[in-house]
Protein backbone atom coordinates (compact mmCIF):
# COMPACT_ATOMS: atom_id res chain seq x y z
CA MET A 1 -45.51 -37.90 -0.62
CA PRO A 2 -47.55 -36.04 2.01
CA PRO A 3 -51.07 -35.08 0.95
CA THR A 4 -51.64 -31.74 -0.73
CA ARG A 5 -53.18 -29.27 1.69
CA VAL A 6 -56.28 -27.68 0.15
CA ILE A 7 -59.01 -25.19 0.94
CA ILE A 8 -62.23 -25.75 -1.00
CA ASP A 9 -64.28 -22.64 -1.74
CA THR A 10 -67.71 -23.76 -2.86
CA ASP A 11 -71.43 -23.05 -3.35
CA PRO A 12 -73.05 -26.53 -3.08
CA GLY A 13 -74.77 -27.32 -5.60
CA ILE A 14 -74.97 -30.95 -6.61
CA ASP A 15 -71.69 -31.20 -8.49
CA ASP A 16 -70.01 -29.24 -5.67
CA ALA A 17 -71.25 -31.87 -3.21
CA LEU A 18 -69.87 -34.64 -5.43
CA ALA A 19 -66.56 -32.75 -5.56
CA LEU A 20 -66.42 -32.57 -1.76
CA ILE A 21 -67.04 -36.31 -1.55
CA LEU A 22 -64.22 -36.93 -4.03
CA ALA A 23 -61.87 -34.72 -2.03
CA PHE A 24 -62.58 -36.43 1.29
CA ALA A 25 -62.33 -39.88 -0.30
CA SER A 26 -58.89 -39.12 -1.72
CA PRO A 27 -55.80 -39.66 0.47
CA GLU A 28 -53.82 -37.40 -1.87
CA LEU A 29 -55.62 -34.39 -0.38
CA SER A 30 -55.91 -32.92 3.11
CA VAL A 31 -58.91 -30.58 3.31
CA GLU A 32 -57.92 -27.80 5.72
CA ALA A 33 -61.17 -25.81 5.43
CA ILE A 34 -64.36 -25.44 3.43
CA THR A 35 -65.42 -21.89 2.65
CA THR A 36 -68.80 -21.10 1.17
CA VAL A 37 -69.99 -18.43 -1.23
CA ALA A 38 -73.34 -17.41 -2.69
CA GLY A 39 -73.83 -18.91 -6.13
CA ASN A 40 -75.93 -21.98 -6.84
CA VAL A 41 -77.76 -21.21 -3.60
CA PRO A 42 -77.67 -18.39 -1.01
CA VAL A 43 -74.57 -18.58 1.15
CA ALA A 44 -76.29 -19.82 4.34
CA GLN A 45 -77.73 -22.74 2.38
CA ALA A 46 -74.32 -23.39 0.82
CA ALA A 47 -72.77 -23.65 4.29
CA ARG A 48 -75.56 -25.99 5.42
CA ASN A 49 -75.03 -28.19 2.39
CA ALA A 50 -71.28 -28.38 2.95
CA ARG A 51 -71.85 -29.43 6.55
CA MET A 52 -74.39 -32.02 5.41
CA VAL A 53 -71.76 -33.58 3.13
CA LEU A 54 -69.45 -33.84 6.13
CA ASP A 55 -72.22 -35.72 7.97
CA VAL A 56 -72.76 -38.04 5.00
CA MET A 57 -69.01 -38.74 4.83
CA GLY A 58 -68.81 -39.44 8.55
CA ARG A 59 -66.46 -36.45 8.90
CA SER A 60 -68.50 -34.37 11.34
CA PRO A 61 -66.95 -32.67 13.19
CA GLY A 62 -64.59 -32.04 10.31
CA PRO A 63 -62.57 -29.12 9.01
CA PRO A 64 -64.01 -25.66 9.64
CA VAL A 65 -66.86 -24.55 7.38
CA ALA A 66 -66.89 -20.77 7.01
CA VAL A 67 -69.65 -18.57 5.60
CA GLY A 68 -68.51 -16.08 2.99
CA ALA A 69 -69.89 -13.52 0.58
CA ARG A 70 -73.68 -13.18 0.47
CA GLY A 71 -73.64 -11.89 -3.08
CA PRO A 72 -71.42 -10.77 -5.96
CA LEU A 73 -69.22 -7.68 -5.67
CA LYS A 74 -71.57 -5.57 -7.82
CA LYS A 75 -74.27 -7.70 -9.43
CA LYS A 76 -77.47 -9.03 -7.95
CA LEU A 77 -77.30 -12.72 -7.05
CA ARG A 78 -79.30 -15.02 -9.32
CA PRO A 79 -78.97 -18.52 -7.83
CA ALA A 80 -79.51 -21.72 -9.79
CA GLN A 81 -82.11 -23.43 -7.62
CA ASP A 82 -84.28 -24.17 -10.64
CA TYR A 83 -81.45 -26.48 -11.71
CA HIS A 84 -80.09 -27.83 -8.41
CA GLY A 85 -83.35 -27.81 -6.44
CA GLU A 86 -84.57 -25.40 -3.80
CA ASP A 87 -82.11 -26.84 -1.26
CA GLY A 88 -79.31 -27.02 -3.85
CA LEU A 89 -79.03 -30.78 -3.41
CA GLY A 90 -81.95 -32.13 -5.42
CA GLU A 91 -84.70 -31.65 -2.81
CA LEU A 92 -83.35 -34.10 -0.25
CA SER A 93 -86.16 -33.37 2.23
CA ARG A 94 -88.43 -35.68 0.20
CA PHE A 95 -86.43 -38.75 1.31
CA LYS A 96 -87.55 -40.45 4.54
CA THR A 97 -86.54 -43.57 6.41
CA GLY A 98 -88.98 -46.44 6.90
CA GLU A 99 -90.00 -44.78 10.18
CA GLY A 100 -90.81 -41.51 8.43
CA ILE A 101 -87.71 -39.74 9.76
CA PRO A 102 -85.80 -37.46 7.35
CA ARG A 103 -83.00 -39.42 5.71
CA TYR A 104 -80.85 -36.28 5.85
CA PRO A 105 -81.36 -34.46 9.16
CA GLU A 106 -79.96 -31.03 9.89
CA PRO A 107 -76.14 -31.13 10.11
CA GLN A 108 -74.67 -30.98 13.60
CA GLN A 109 -71.41 -29.11 12.97
CA LEU A 110 -71.73 -25.35 13.43
CA PRO A 111 -70.28 -22.87 10.94
CA GLU A 112 -66.95 -21.23 11.74
CA PRO A 113 -67.45 -17.72 13.20
CA GLN A 114 -64.62 -16.27 11.08
CA PRO A 115 -65.72 -14.98 7.64
CA ALA A 116 -64.56 -17.07 4.71
CA PRO A 117 -62.23 -14.50 3.05
CA ALA A 118 -60.40 -13.93 6.33
CA LEU A 119 -60.06 -17.68 6.97
CA ILE A 120 -58.71 -18.26 3.47
CA ALA A 121 -56.05 -15.58 3.90
CA GLU A 122 -55.14 -16.75 7.40
CA ILE A 123 -54.57 -20.38 6.42
CA ILE A 124 -52.59 -19.47 3.29
CA GLY A 125 -50.47 -16.93 5.17
CA SER A 126 -49.70 -19.42 7.93
CA ALA A 127 -48.31 -22.01 5.48
CA PRO A 128 -46.45 -20.15 2.71
CA GLY A 129 -46.25 -22.12 -0.52
CA GLU A 130 -48.20 -25.09 0.84
CA ILE A 131 -51.91 -24.40 0.28
CA VAL A 132 -53.84 -25.07 -2.91
CA LEU A 133 -57.13 -23.17 -3.09
CA ILE A 134 -59.80 -24.97 -5.14
CA CYS A 135 -62.58 -22.58 -6.20
CA LEU A 136 -65.79 -24.32 -7.27
CA GLY A 137 -68.16 -21.34 -7.23
CA PRO A 138 -68.16 -17.62 -8.02
CA LEU A 139 -64.83 -15.99 -7.13
CA THR A 140 -66.25 -13.43 -4.70
CA ASN A 141 -64.53 -14.79 -1.57
CA LEU A 142 -61.20 -15.02 -3.35
CA ALA A 143 -61.46 -11.47 -4.70
CA MET A 144 -62.31 -10.16 -1.23
CA ALA A 145 -59.37 -12.04 0.30
CA ILE A 146 -56.98 -10.60 -2.32
CA GLN A 147 -58.27 -7.09 -1.66
CA ALA A 148 -58.06 -7.39 2.13
CA ALA A 149 -54.86 -9.43 2.53
CA PRO A 150 -52.70 -9.30 -0.62
CA THR A 151 -49.47 -10.22 1.20
CA GLN A 152 -50.96 -13.34 2.72
CA MET A 153 -52.68 -14.37 -0.50
CA ALA A 154 -49.39 -14.06 -2.40
CA GLN A 155 -48.22 -17.09 -0.39
CA VAL A 156 -50.70 -19.45 -2.08
CA LYS A 157 -49.18 -22.44 -3.85
CA GLU A 158 -51.84 -22.54 -6.57
CA ILE A 159 -55.43 -21.56 -7.24
CA ILE A 160 -57.54 -24.04 -9.22
CA VAL A 161 -60.63 -22.34 -10.62
CA MET A 162 -63.58 -24.18 -12.15
CA GLY A 163 -64.99 -21.63 -14.52
CA GLY A 164 -65.15 -20.07 -17.93
CA ALA A 165 -65.42 -21.37 -21.46
CA ILE A 166 -62.65 -20.92 -24.02
CA GLN A 167 -63.88 -22.60 -27.19
CA ALA A 168 -66.98 -24.28 -25.75
CA PRO A 169 -70.31 -22.44 -25.54
CA GLY A 170 -71.47 -21.14 -22.19
CA ASN A 171 -73.89 -22.94 -19.92
CA VAL A 172 -75.86 -19.97 -18.53
CA THR A 173 -75.75 -17.74 -21.63
CA PRO A 174 -74.47 -18.62 -25.10
CA GLY A 175 -71.09 -17.13 -24.17
CA ALA A 176 -70.70 -17.42 -20.39
CA GLU A 177 -70.19 -20.12 -17.77
CA PHE A 178 -72.21 -19.85 -14.54
CA ASN A 179 -69.48 -19.15 -11.95
CA LEU A 180 -67.85 -16.31 -13.85
CA TYR A 181 -71.18 -14.94 -15.06
CA THR A 182 -72.44 -14.77 -11.47
CA ASP A 183 -69.60 -12.45 -10.42
CA PRO A 184 -67.56 -11.27 -13.41
CA ASP A 185 -66.10 -8.37 -11.44
CA ALA A 186 -64.59 -10.76 -8.92
CA ALA A 187 -63.25 -12.95 -11.72
CA LYS A 188 -61.62 -9.95 -13.39
CA LEU A 189 -59.91 -8.97 -10.14
CA VAL A 190 -58.66 -12.52 -9.59
CA PHE A 191 -57.41 -12.98 -13.16
CA THR A 192 -55.40 -9.75 -12.97
CA SER A 193 -53.94 -10.50 -9.53
CA GLY A 194 -50.74 -12.14 -10.75
CA LEU A 195 -51.38 -15.21 -8.60
CA PRO A 196 -50.71 -18.73 -9.98
CA ILE A 197 -54.07 -19.82 -11.41
CA THR A 198 -55.12 -22.97 -13.26
CA LEU A 199 -58.46 -22.67 -15.04
CA ILE A 200 -60.75 -25.68 -15.51
CA PRO A 201 -63.23 -24.47 -18.16
CA LEU A 202 -66.30 -26.05 -19.72
CA ASP A 203 -64.04 -27.21 -22.56
CA VAL A 204 -62.89 -30.07 -20.32
CA THR A 205 -65.63 -30.38 -17.69
CA GLN A 206 -68.32 -31.08 -20.28
CA ARG A 207 -66.35 -34.11 -21.44
CA VAL A 208 -66.70 -35.88 -18.08
CA MET A 209 -70.32 -36.96 -17.77
CA LEU A 210 -72.02 -38.88 -14.99
CA THR A 211 -74.97 -40.73 -16.54
CA ALA A 212 -78.02 -42.39 -15.06
CA GLU A 213 -76.76 -45.59 -16.68
CA LEU A 214 -73.47 -45.37 -14.75
CA ILE A 215 -75.37 -44.86 -11.51
CA ASP A 216 -77.44 -47.98 -12.24
CA ALA A 217 -74.44 -50.05 -13.40
CA VAL A 218 -71.92 -49.09 -10.72
CA VAL A 219 -73.11 -46.93 -7.83
CA ARG A 220 -76.48 -48.56 -7.13
CA HIS A 221 -74.81 -51.87 -6.25
CA ILE A 222 -72.65 -50.36 -3.48
CA ASP A 223 -74.52 -50.10 -0.19
CA SER A 224 -73.17 -47.12 1.75
CA ARG A 225 -74.42 -43.80 3.05
CA VAL A 226 -72.30 -42.00 0.46
CA THR A 227 -73.62 -43.95 -2.53
CA GLN A 228 -77.18 -43.50 -1.22
CA PHE A 229 -76.55 -39.75 -1.09
CA VAL A 230 -75.10 -39.75 -4.62
CA ARG A 231 -78.18 -41.55 -5.94
CA ASP A 232 -80.59 -39.27 -4.07
CA THR A 233 -78.94 -35.95 -4.90
CA THR A 234 -78.57 -36.72 -8.61
CA GLU A 235 -81.99 -38.31 -9.19
CA ARG A 236 -83.93 -35.09 -9.83
CA LEU A 237 -81.09 -33.53 -11.84
CA PHE A 238 -81.00 -36.42 -14.31
CA GLY A 239 -84.64 -35.60 -15.06
CA VAL A 240 -83.81 -31.91 -15.51
CA GLU A 241 -81.01 -32.73 -17.96
CA GLN A 242 -83.22 -35.20 -19.83
CA ARG A 243 -85.75 -32.43 -20.42
CA ARG A 244 -83.12 -29.79 -21.25
CA THR A 245 -80.76 -31.74 -23.50
CA GLY A 246 -82.38 -35.10 -24.20
CA TYR A 247 -79.72 -36.94 -22.17
CA ALA A 248 -79.83 -38.08 -18.54
CA ALA A 249 -76.24 -37.01 -17.95
CA ILE A 250 -74.60 -34.54 -15.55
CA PRO A 251 -71.31 -32.76 -16.35
CA LEU A 252 -68.90 -33.23 -13.46
CA HIS A 253 -67.62 -29.65 -13.52
CA ASP A 254 -66.49 -29.33 -9.90
CA PRO A 255 -65.30 -32.91 -9.34
CA LEU A 256 -62.87 -32.46 -12.25
CA ALA A 257 -61.34 -29.42 -10.52
CA VAL A 258 -60.73 -31.59 -7.47
CA GLY A 259 -59.43 -34.34 -9.77
CA VAL A 260 -56.79 -31.95 -11.10
CA ALA A 261 -55.60 -31.32 -7.54
CA ILE A 262 -55.35 -35.09 -7.04
CA ASP A 263 -53.63 -35.94 -10.34
CA ARG A 264 -52.44 -33.19 -12.67
CA SER A 265 -51.78 -35.71 -15.45
CA LEU A 266 -55.55 -36.07 -15.96
CA VAL A 267 -55.46 -32.84 -18.00
CA SER A 268 -53.16 -30.98 -20.32
CA SER A 269 -52.99 -27.19 -20.17
CA ARG A 270 -51.51 -24.26 -22.01
CA PRO A 271 -50.63 -20.74 -20.84
CA LEU A 272 -53.06 -18.14 -22.15
CA HIS A 273 -53.98 -14.54 -21.51
CA VAL A 274 -57.62 -14.61 -20.43
CA GLU A 275 -59.91 -11.67 -19.71
CA VAL A 276 -63.48 -11.56 -18.37
CA GLU A 277 -66.17 -9.33 -19.84
CA THR A 278 -67.83 -7.30 -17.08
CA GLY A 279 -70.18 -5.15 -19.19
CA ASP A 280 -73.95 -5.37 -19.18
CA GLY A 281 -74.38 -6.72 -22.70
CA PRO A 282 -74.92 -10.27 -23.96
CA ALA A 283 -71.21 -11.10 -23.50
CA GLN A 284 -71.30 -10.46 -19.73
CA GLY A 285 -69.20 -13.02 -17.88
CA MET A 286 -67.62 -14.34 -21.07
CA THR A 287 -63.98 -15.45 -20.94
CA ILE A 288 -61.89 -14.13 -23.84
CA ALA A 289 -58.65 -16.04 -24.37
CA ASP A 290 -55.95 -14.85 -26.74
CA ARG A 291 -55.37 -17.89 -28.95
CA ARG A 292 -54.09 -15.94 -31.94
CA PRO A 293 -51.12 -17.55 -33.75
CA LEU A 294 -48.84 -14.58 -33.11
CA LYS A 295 -45.39 -14.35 -31.60
CA GLU A 296 -45.60 -13.91 -27.85
CA GLU A 297 -44.21 -10.36 -27.95
CA TRP A 298 -47.29 -9.29 -29.92
CA LYS A 299 -49.68 -10.46 -27.21
CA LYS A 300 -50.25 -9.77 -23.55
CA PRO A 301 -48.37 -12.26 -21.35
CA PRO A 302 -50.31 -15.34 -20.15
CA ASN A 303 -52.04 -14.94 -16.81
CA LEU A 304 -53.56 -18.43 -16.49
CA GLN A 305 -52.78 -22.05 -17.17
CA VAL A 306 -55.88 -23.21 -19.03
CA CYS A 307 -56.82 -26.90 -19.20
CA MET A 308 -57.86 -27.75 -22.75
CA GLU A 309 -57.69 -31.57 -22.86
CA VAL A 310 -58.78 -34.24 -20.37
CA ASP A 311 -58.41 -37.99 -20.08
CA ALA A 312 -62.13 -38.41 -19.48
CA GLY A 313 -62.09 -42.18 -19.10
CA ARG A 314 -59.34 -42.17 -16.49
CA PHE A 315 -61.01 -39.38 -14.52
CA MET A 316 -64.38 -41.16 -14.53
CA ALA A 317 -62.72 -44.35 -13.30
CA LEU A 318 -61.08 -42.39 -10.47
CA PHE A 319 -64.32 -40.63 -9.55
CA LEU A 320 -66.42 -43.79 -9.46
CA GLU A 321 -63.80 -45.74 -7.51
CA ARG A 322 -63.53 -43.02 -4.87
CA ILE A 323 -67.24 -42.41 -4.33
CA CYS A 324 -67.79 -46.16 -3.97
CA ARG A 325 -65.08 -46.53 -1.31
CA PRO A 326 -66.14 -47.51 2.21
CA THR A 327 -66.23 -44.43 4.46
CA ALA A 328 -64.48 -44.13 7.79
């Protein structure tokens, strides 16, 4: 089978960076473009981080990296640099070589001049039914592309969205997951677009955990630029999670979304009607799924395929095997 052609829309972010590594290490996928959006970090930093991952992977020059939305459709941007570090990648500037040179210099590949929403629509429109769009950040770029180019966007094969929480609690408020909370208006537009969407919510992503023990047992013994990057970018975050939760473990939210594009059998899903709360109250950004045990004619028709179960062990084995692969 030929590889699945994907666009990755992202706001790196540590787990976004790990997801990009997984995508490039997986022959099942062909990454046609990386588009960046404001979320974990401001959008210029997100584009820089994506290009840095390409350098780490030895893929620079690689696919185009386009800069997208600088903020949500209506809300003020509140990035997550207290969690991911000021640079979004765990404060990589603190790492030097033996000669005192930065271990991670500025990336060489320049950003694509075309804005991210336009690039997304152009690539999808040029290959009807072939492109899978993997959204790892707020859905602002996708909403803008749907608004500007609905005919082209209707040609998408599938949209895989990491976001939301169905039965699980939120991770930024008690009820809301970060990506959808950051731009609930964009999420609402996307969820009502009629496009084929698979949702990867916290219900499954919080079951796939990268631990400090796994890094020590598996990754630390593989000597490569990629495994060095994985160790460096996660080091600070393990400390953050230890203080927050009592466990040095990182949920692999975004890598699981890429994993679903690689192997759909890693998860099981069910069709649900899902809405996003856009009001200003404590439920802002919350995903509300209709799970009532009623006959279908008594409910609104499903608008998403929602992943509710995951083979966590098999996904973790895939993730670790791919990040430990020799790079080109």
